[in-house]
N, C-alpha and C. Protein backbone atom coordinates (compact mmCIF):
# COMPACT_ATOMS: atom_id res chain seq x y z
N MET A 1 -21.86 -68.72 -9.14
CA MET A 1 -20.77 -68.09 -9.65
C MET A 1 -21.10 -66.59 -10.09
N PHE A 2 -22.14 -66.58 -10.84
CA PHE A 2 -22.65 -65.23 -11.38
C PHE A 2 -22.99 -64.39 -10.15
N GLN A 3 -23.66 -65.11 -9.15
CA GLN A 3 -24.11 -64.36 -8.07
C GLN A 3 -23.00 -63.76 -7.20
N GLN A 4 -21.86 -64.46 -7.09
CA GLN A 4 -20.71 -64.01 -6.40
C GLN A 4 -19.95 -62.79 -7.28
N TYR A 5 -20.26 -62.76 -8.50
CA TYR A 5 -19.53 -61.81 -9.31
C TYR A 5 -20.34 -60.68 -9.02
N MET A 6 -21.70 -60.69 -9.13
CA MET A 6 -22.75 -59.59 -8.93
C MET A 6 -22.43 -58.96 -7.34
N GLN A 7 -22.23 -59.73 -6.60
CA GLN A 7 -22.06 -59.28 -5.24
C GLN A 7 -20.71 -58.45 -5.01
N LYS A 8 -19.74 -59.01 -5.65
CA LYS A 8 -18.42 -58.34 -5.67
C LYS A 8 -18.56 -56.95 -6.39
N THR A 9 -19.26 -56.98 -7.59
CA THR A 9 -19.44 -55.79 -8.38
C THR A 9 -20.36 -54.76 -7.47
N ASP A 10 -21.30 -55.23 -6.79
CA ASP A 10 -22.03 -54.26 -6.06
C ASP A 10 -21.14 -53.68 -4.90
N LYS A 11 -20.41 -54.47 -4.25
CA LYS A 11 -19.60 -53.89 -3.27
C LYS A 11 -18.65 -52.83 -3.78
N VAL A 12 -18.10 -53.05 -4.89
CA VAL A 12 -17.15 -52.17 -5.66
C VAL A 12 -17.85 -50.79 -5.92
N LEU A 13 -19.09 -50.92 -6.46
CA LEU A 13 -19.85 -49.80 -6.75
C LEU A 13 -20.24 -49.05 -5.51
N GLU A 14 -20.58 -49.70 -4.43
CA GLU A 14 -20.94 -48.99 -3.25
C GLU A 14 -19.77 -48.22 -2.80
N ARG A 15 -18.61 -48.83 -2.78
CA ARG A 15 -17.39 -48.12 -2.33
C ARG A 15 -16.97 -46.79 -3.26
N LEU A 16 -17.23 -46.95 -4.68
CA LEU A 16 -17.08 -45.96 -5.54
C LEU A 16 -17.98 -44.79 -5.25
N ASP A 17 -19.40 -45.35 -4.87
CA ASP A 17 -20.45 -44.26 -4.58
C ASP A 17 -19.88 -43.50 -3.31
N THR A 18 -19.59 -44.21 -2.41
CA THR A 18 -19.04 -43.56 -1.13
C THR A 18 -17.94 -42.63 -1.32
N ASN A 19 -16.84 -43.19 -1.96
CA ASN A 19 -15.76 -42.19 -2.32
C ASN A 19 -16.31 -40.87 -3.17
N CYS A 20 -17.30 -41.01 -4.03
CA CYS A 20 -17.65 -39.90 -4.65
C CYS A 20 -18.28 -38.93 -3.86
N GLN A 21 -19.22 -39.43 -3.00
CA GLN A 21 -20.16 -38.66 -2.11
C GLN A 21 -19.01 -37.84 -1.16
N ASN A 22 -17.98 -38.54 -0.64
CA ASN A 22 -16.84 -37.86 0.35
C ASN A 22 -16.23 -36.89 -0.47
N GLN A 23 -15.90 -37.14 -1.79
CA GLN A 23 -15.16 -36.01 -2.65
C GLN A 23 -16.10 -34.87 -2.82
N GLN A 24 -17.41 -35.10 -3.02
CA GLN A 24 -18.22 -34.06 -3.24
C GLN A 24 -18.43 -33.27 -1.92
N ALA A 25 -18.47 -33.84 -0.70
CA ALA A 25 -18.47 -33.14 0.55
C ALA A 25 -17.13 -32.19 0.76
N SER A 26 -16.04 -32.78 0.30
CA SER A 26 -14.81 -32.08 0.52
C SER A 26 -14.79 -30.80 -0.40
N ILE A 27 -15.26 -31.07 -1.59
CA ILE A 27 -15.35 -29.98 -2.57
C ILE A 27 -16.17 -28.86 -2.04
N ARG A 28 -17.36 -29.23 -1.53
CA ARG A 28 -18.23 -28.03 -1.00
C ARG A 28 -17.58 -27.40 0.23
N LYS A 29 -16.77 -28.16 1.13
CA LYS A 29 -16.14 -27.48 2.18
C LYS A 29 -14.98 -26.60 1.64
N ILE A 30 -14.20 -26.90 0.50
CA ILE A 30 -13.28 -26.15 0.07
C ILE A 30 -14.03 -24.82 -0.66
N GLU A 31 -15.09 -25.08 -1.24
CA GLU A 31 -15.83 -23.94 -1.97
C GLU A 31 -16.26 -22.86 -0.89
N THR A 32 -16.74 -23.39 0.35
CA THR A 32 -17.07 -22.60 1.31
C THR A 32 -15.97 -21.73 1.90
N GLN A 33 -14.81 -22.41 2.17
CA GLN A 33 -13.56 -21.76 2.57
C GLN A 33 -13.22 -20.72 1.62
N ILE A 34 -13.38 -20.94 0.22
CA ILE A 34 -12.90 -19.88 -0.68
C ILE A 34 -13.83 -18.72 -0.67
N ASP A 35 -15.17 -18.98 -0.52
CA ASP A 35 -15.97 -17.93 -0.35
C ASP A 35 -15.71 -17.08 0.79
N LEU A 36 -15.43 -17.74 1.82
CA LEU A 36 -15.04 -16.93 3.23
C LEU A 36 -13.97 -15.97 3.02
N LEU A 37 -12.76 -16.59 2.36
CA LEU A 37 -11.53 -15.89 2.07
C LEU A 37 -11.82 -14.73 1.10
N ALA A 38 -12.62 -14.87 0.09
CA ALA A 38 -13.06 -13.73 -0.83
C ALA A 38 -13.80 -12.67 -0.08
N MET A 39 -14.59 -13.05 0.83
CA MET A 39 -15.45 -12.01 1.71
C MET A 39 -14.41 -11.16 2.43
N GLN A 40 -13.58 -11.86 3.16
CA GLN A 40 -12.42 -11.10 3.96
C GLN A 40 -11.66 -10.19 3.11
N LEU A 41 -11.36 -10.75 1.83
CA LEU A 41 -10.47 -9.93 1.10
C LEU A 41 -11.30 -8.56 0.60
N LEU A 42 -12.64 -8.55 0.42
CA LEU A 42 -13.50 -7.61 -0.23
C LEU A 42 -13.61 -6.68 1.13
N ASP A 43 -13.69 -7.24 2.12
CA ASP A 43 -13.95 -6.33 3.41
C ASP A 43 -12.78 -5.40 3.82
N ARG A 44 -11.58 -5.94 3.47
CA ARG A 44 -10.47 -4.95 3.82
C ARG A 44 -10.15 -3.90 2.95
N LYS A 45 -9.67 -2.86 3.49
CA LYS A 45 -9.49 -1.59 2.62
C LYS A 45 -8.30 -1.85 1.66
N LEU A 46 -8.56 -1.19 0.47
CA LEU A 46 -7.52 -1.41 -0.60
C LEU A 46 -6.22 -0.59 -0.24
N GLY A 47 -5.05 -1.09 -0.49
CA GLY A 47 -3.80 -0.39 -0.13
C GLY A 47 -3.31 -0.75 1.10
N THR A 48 -3.91 -1.52 2.01
CA THR A 48 -3.55 -1.90 3.40
C THR A 48 -3.03 -3.27 3.38
N LEU A 49 -2.23 -3.40 4.33
CA LEU A 49 -1.49 -4.80 4.57
C LEU A 49 -2.46 -5.68 5.25
N LEU A 50 -2.16 -7.03 5.18
CA LEU A 50 -3.10 -7.80 5.86
C LEU A 50 -2.97 -7.88 7.31
N SER A 51 -1.66 -7.57 7.82
CA SER A 51 -1.26 -7.73 9.13
C SER A 51 -1.44 -6.24 9.75
N ASN A 52 -1.58 -6.23 11.23
CA ASN A 52 -1.76 -5.09 11.93
C ASN A 52 -0.14 -4.34 11.93
N THR A 53 -0.07 -3.10 11.39
CA THR A 53 1.33 -2.69 11.58
C THR A 53 1.27 -1.49 12.59
N VAL A 54 2.19 -1.31 13.25
CA VAL A 54 2.28 -0.23 14.33
C VAL A 54 3.43 0.82 13.85
N THR A 55 3.02 2.04 13.80
CA THR A 55 3.92 3.15 13.41
C THR A 55 4.99 3.27 14.45
N ASN A 56 6.02 3.82 14.01
CA ASN A 56 7.19 4.06 14.92
C ASN A 56 7.04 5.30 15.56
N LEU A 57 6.67 5.32 16.91
CA LEU A 57 6.30 6.52 17.69
C LEU A 57 7.59 7.30 17.92
N LYS A 58 8.74 6.62 18.04
CA LYS A 58 10.00 7.47 18.09
C LYS A 58 10.40 7.96 16.68
N GLU A 59 10.56 9.24 16.65
CA GLU A 59 11.01 9.63 15.24
C GLU A 59 12.54 9.49 14.96
N LYS A 60 13.40 9.27 16.09
CA LYS A 60 14.69 9.12 15.83
C LYS A 60 15.20 7.79 16.50
N VAL A 61 16.53 7.30 16.01
CA VAL A 61 17.11 6.13 16.54
C VAL A 61 18.21 6.67 17.45
N ASP A 62 18.16 6.21 18.61
CA ASP A 62 19.17 6.57 19.66
C ASP A 62 20.50 5.77 19.41
N ALA A 63 20.49 4.55 19.06
CA ALA A 63 21.60 3.73 18.92
C ALA A 63 21.30 2.27 18.17
N ILE A 64 22.21 2.01 17.29
CA ILE A 64 21.95 0.81 16.72
C ILE A 64 23.27 -0.23 17.05
N ILE A 65 22.96 -1.44 17.54
CA ILE A 65 23.95 -2.29 17.88
C ILE A 65 23.66 -3.52 17.13
N THR A 66 24.78 -3.92 16.49
CA THR A 66 24.73 -5.12 15.66
C THR A 66 24.99 -6.47 16.46
N ARG A 67 24.79 -7.55 15.83
CA ARG A 67 24.80 -8.89 16.49
C ARG A 67 26.34 -9.01 17.27
N SER A 68 27.28 -8.45 16.54
CA SER A 68 28.69 -8.68 16.91
C SER A 68 29.01 -7.76 18.10
N GLY A 69 28.01 -6.78 18.24
CA GLY A 69 28.27 -5.87 19.49
C GLY A 69 28.70 -4.47 19.05
N VAL A 70 28.91 -4.36 17.84
CA VAL A 70 29.49 -3.09 17.33
C VAL A 70 28.23 -2.05 17.35
N GLN A 71 28.60 -0.75 17.96
CA GLN A 71 27.63 0.30 17.88
C GLN A 71 27.78 1.06 16.60
N LEU A 72 26.83 1.32 15.98
CA LEU A 72 26.82 2.20 14.64
C LEU A 72 26.72 3.55 15.04
N PRO A 73 27.01 4.58 14.30
CA PRO A 73 26.87 5.94 14.73
C PRO A 73 25.60 6.36 14.32
N GLU A 74 25.21 7.41 15.20
CA GLU A 74 23.66 7.69 14.94
C GLU A 74 23.45 8.24 13.58
N ILE A 75 22.19 7.88 13.18
CA ILE A 75 21.94 8.14 11.78
C ILE A 75 20.67 8.92 11.66
N HIS A 76 19.98 9.26 12.81
CA HIS A 76 18.77 9.91 12.72
C HIS A 76 19.02 11.53 12.20
N MET A 77 20.29 12.00 12.45
CA MET A 77 20.52 13.30 11.86
C MET A 77 20.53 13.24 10.32
N LYS A 78 21.22 12.30 9.87
CA LYS A 78 21.23 12.13 8.49
C LYS A 78 19.82 11.92 7.96
N MET A 79 19.10 11.09 8.48
CA MET A 79 17.73 11.01 7.91
C MET A 79 16.93 12.19 8.03
N GLN A 80 17.03 13.08 9.03
CA GLN A 80 16.40 14.26 9.22
C GLN A 80 16.79 15.18 8.05
N GLU A 81 18.10 15.32 7.82
CA GLU A 81 18.69 16.13 6.86
C GLU A 81 18.04 15.78 5.52
N LYS A 82 17.88 14.38 5.22
CA LYS A 82 17.42 13.89 3.86
C LYS A 82 15.91 14.32 3.80
N LYS A 83 15.20 14.22 5.03
CA LYS A 83 13.69 14.64 5.09
C LYS A 83 13.73 16.14 4.58
N ASP A 84 14.48 16.96 5.29
CA ASP A 84 14.59 18.46 5.00
C ASP A 84 14.82 18.85 3.58
N LYS A 85 15.79 18.01 2.97
CA LYS A 85 16.11 18.28 1.55
C LYS A 85 14.97 17.93 0.79
N GLN A 86 14.43 16.72 1.01
CA GLN A 86 13.26 16.32 0.31
C GLN A 86 12.07 17.23 0.28
N LEU A 87 11.82 17.81 1.57
CA LEU A 87 10.85 18.65 1.78
C LEU A 87 11.11 20.02 0.87
N ALA A 88 12.38 20.41 0.97
CA ALA A 88 12.75 21.69 0.26
C ALA A 88 12.55 21.34 -1.29
N ILE A 89 12.87 20.44 -1.78
CA ILE A 89 12.81 20.04 -3.29
C ILE A 89 11.20 20.02 -3.63
N GLU A 90 10.29 19.41 -2.71
CA GLU A 90 8.86 19.44 -2.88
C GLU A 90 8.34 20.82 -2.86
N GLU A 91 8.82 21.42 -1.98
CA GLU A 91 8.30 22.87 -1.98
C GLU A 91 8.65 23.77 -3.26
N GLU A 92 9.89 23.49 -3.73
CA GLU A 92 10.35 24.24 -4.98
C GLU A 92 9.52 23.72 -6.14
N GLU A 93 9.23 22.42 -6.32
CA GLU A 93 8.53 21.86 -7.35
C GLU A 93 6.95 22.49 -7.26
N ALA A 94 6.57 22.60 -6.05
CA ALA A 94 5.11 23.25 -6.00
C ALA A 94 4.96 24.54 -6.38
N GLY A 95 6.10 25.35 -5.92
CA GLY A 95 6.20 26.63 -6.47
C GLY A 95 6.21 26.77 -7.92
N LYS A 96 6.99 26.02 -8.64
CA LYS A 96 7.21 25.90 -9.99
C LYS A 96 5.90 25.66 -10.69
N GLN A 97 5.18 24.66 -10.15
CA GLN A 97 3.74 24.22 -10.60
C GLN A 97 2.78 25.49 -10.47
N ASP A 98 2.86 26.09 -9.32
CA ASP A 98 2.02 27.27 -9.14
C ASP A 98 2.30 28.34 -10.14
N ALA A 99 3.54 28.50 -10.42
CA ALA A 99 3.98 29.56 -11.39
C ALA A 99 3.38 29.27 -12.76
N LYS A 100 3.68 27.87 -13.05
CA LYS A 100 3.25 27.48 -14.24
C LYS A 100 1.75 27.40 -14.57
N SER A 101 1.13 27.12 -13.43
CA SER A 101 -0.50 27.17 -13.69
C SER A 101 -0.88 28.56 -13.69
N LYS A 102 -0.29 29.57 -13.15
CA LYS A 102 -0.80 30.87 -13.04
C LYS A 102 -0.35 31.37 -14.51
N GLU A 103 0.61 30.98 -15.14
CA GLU A 103 1.00 31.53 -16.50
C GLU A 103 0.13 30.84 -17.46
N GLU A 104 -0.42 29.69 -17.23
CA GLU A 104 -1.23 29.15 -18.28
C GLU A 104 -2.56 29.66 -18.14
N GLU A 105 -3.10 30.11 -17.00
CA GLU A 105 -4.24 30.83 -16.63
C GLU A 105 -4.26 32.31 -17.46
N TYR A 106 -3.08 32.86 -17.19
CA TYR A 106 -2.90 34.25 -17.94
C TYR A 106 -3.07 34.09 -19.49
N VAL A 107 -2.29 33.05 -20.04
CA VAL A 107 -2.33 33.04 -21.50
C VAL A 107 -3.73 32.46 -21.90
N LYS A 108 -4.52 31.73 -21.22
CA LYS A 108 -5.88 31.52 -21.69
C LYS A 108 -6.71 32.71 -21.59
N LYS A 109 -6.59 33.46 -20.67
CA LYS A 109 -7.40 34.78 -20.35
C LYS A 109 -6.98 35.62 -21.63
N ARG A 110 -5.72 35.71 -21.92
CA ARG A 110 -5.41 36.61 -23.08
C ARG A 110 -5.84 36.05 -24.41
N GLU A 111 -5.94 34.74 -24.53
CA GLU A 111 -6.61 34.14 -25.81
C GLU A 111 -8.02 34.58 -25.89
N VAL A 112 -8.76 34.34 -24.64
CA VAL A 112 -10.10 34.78 -24.71
C VAL A 112 -10.42 36.27 -24.92
N ASP A 113 -9.77 37.02 -24.20
CA ASP A 113 -9.97 38.42 -24.21
C ASP A 113 -8.75 39.19 -24.36
N PRO A 114 -8.13 39.42 -25.65
CA PRO A 114 -6.97 40.04 -26.07
C PRO A 114 -7.13 41.50 -25.84
N LYS A 115 -6.37 42.20 -24.96
CA LYS A 115 -6.60 43.58 -24.86
C LYS A 115 -5.22 44.17 -25.04
């Protein structure tokens, strides 16, 4: 009776050992996969998307048709106007920055060499 108990206990312990070995192998595989993912993330450039994006070679939209078949008015003119306005604003701000930096340089020169 004691021998039967020991045999059953040995079988249970063998199964537990096998399960533990399988789990360790699975953990090693997962660790390897995580390492590969980390390497891929390190290799890609910062600020880029993971997928390949294609720039729109057409700068304007000729027509937009909705699912219901309604054709929307052309909007590329409005978009171009917005771009032009934004460019004008940026140029104006750049001009202000230039004038401000020149003024600051003049003030610094005057502080160093007041004549």
